[in-house]
Amino acid sequence: MVKIRLRREGSKGRPYYKIVVADGRARREGAFIEMIGNYDPLKEEGGANIDLEKADEWISKGAQPSETVLSIIKKARRATA
């Protein structure tokens, strides 16, 4: 199954995540199909940049977003509205 999830980047104590579309069997930092955004939890406001069109396209194809990514998508939709 294809999943939309976070891929951890950054150093110890300074996390930075990329929002990727990946095969569900792949490792967290393993191979991915496409990068659709990024998320920085250390930023005060938002900290997430996501291409909503690509996310919607993958969800329509059957990709399952993780709980965290789903909340990031919802916040991004509210920010653009």
Protein backbone atom coordinates (compact mmCIF):
# COMPACT_ATOMS: atom_id res chain seq x y z
CA MET A 1 0.00 0.00 0.00
CA VAL A 2 1.21 3.50 -0.81
CA LYS A 3 1.42 5.87 2.14
CA ILE A 4 1.97 9.60 2.58
CA ARG A 5 4.23 10.00 5.58
CA LEU A 6 7.08 11.92 7.16
CA ARG A 7 10.72 11.19 6.39
CA ARG A 8 13.06 12.39 9.16
CA GLU A 9 15.96 14.61 8.23
CA GLY A 10 18.14 16.92 10.29
CA SER A 11 20.49 16.28 13.16
CA LYS A 12 20.01 15.06 16.71
CA GLY A 13 17.75 17.46 18.58
CA ARG A 14 16.99 19.47 15.40
CA PRO A 15 14.36 17.42 13.53
CA TYR A 16 13.23 18.36 10.06
CA TYR A 17 10.81 16.26 8.04
CA LYS A 18 10.04 15.80 4.36
CA ILE A 19 6.50 14.77 3.43
CA VAL A 20 6.87 11.88 1.00
CA VAL A 21 4.78 9.35 -0.87
CA ALA A 22 6.31 5.92 -0.25
CA ASP A 23 5.58 2.24 -0.36
CA GLY A 24 4.29 1.16 3.04
CA ARG A 25 6.99 -1.52 3.29
CA ALA A 26 9.87 0.95 2.82
CA ARG A 27 11.91 2.12 5.79
CA ARG A 28 11.27 5.56 7.29
CA GLU A 29 14.40 7.00 5.67
CA GLY A 30 14.28 4.57 2.77
CA ALA A 31 13.22 4.91 -0.83
CA PHE A 32 10.24 7.06 -1.70
CA ILE A 33 8.18 7.73 -4.81
CA GLU A 34 7.75 11.50 -4.63
CA MET A 35 8.41 14.35 -2.20
CA ILE A 36 5.34 16.60 -1.85
CA GLY A 37 6.37 18.94 0.96
CA ASN A 38 8.31 19.54 4.14
CA TYR A 39 7.62 20.15 7.83
CA ASP A 40 9.74 21.92 10.43
CA PRO A 41 8.29 21.39 13.93
CA LEU A 42 10.69 23.91 15.48
CA LYS A 43 9.19 26.88 13.60
CA GLU A 44 6.70 28.98 15.55
CA GLU A 45 4.05 29.48 12.88
CA GLY A 46 3.06 26.56 10.70
CA GLY A 47 6.40 25.28 9.58
CA ALA A 48 4.78 23.14 6.90
CA ASN A 49 4.91 23.56 3.14
CA ILE A 50 2.88 21.03 1.22
CA ASP A 51 1.68 20.84 -2.37
CA LEU A 52 -2.03 20.22 -1.78
CA GLU A 53 -2.69 19.41 -5.45
CA LYS A 54 -0.16 16.57 -5.40
CA ALA A 55 -1.47 15.34 -2.04
CA ASP A 56 -5.04 15.27 -3.37
CA GLU A 57 -3.88 13.48 -6.51
CA TRP A 58 -2.16 10.74 -4.49
CA ILE A 59 -5.08 10.38 -2.09
CA SER A 60 -7.44 9.98 -5.06
CA LYS A 61 -5.16 7.19 -6.33
CA GLY A 62 -5.54 5.38 -2.98
CA ALA A 63 -2.56 6.58 -0.94
CA GLN A 64 -3.19 6.60 2.81
CA PRO A 65 -1.84 9.61 4.75
CA SER A 66 -0.50 9.05 8.25
CA GLU A 67 -2.31 10.77 11.13
CA THR A 68 0.35 13.47 11.38
CA VAL A 69 0.36 14.17 7.66
CA LEU A 70 -3.44 14.30 7.65
CA SER A 71 -3.38 16.98 10.36
CA ILE A 72 -0.72 18.93 8.41
CA ILE A 73 -2.91 18.78 5.28
CA LYS A 74 -5.94 20.02 7.25
CA LYS A 75 -3.95 22.94 8.69
CA ALA A 76 -2.62 23.83 5.24
CA ARG A 77 -6.17 23.87 3.84
CA ARG A 78 -7.32 26.19 6.63
CA ALA A 79 -4.36 28.51 6.01
CA THR A 80 -5.12 28.82 2.30
CA ALA A 81 -8.88 29.33 2.80
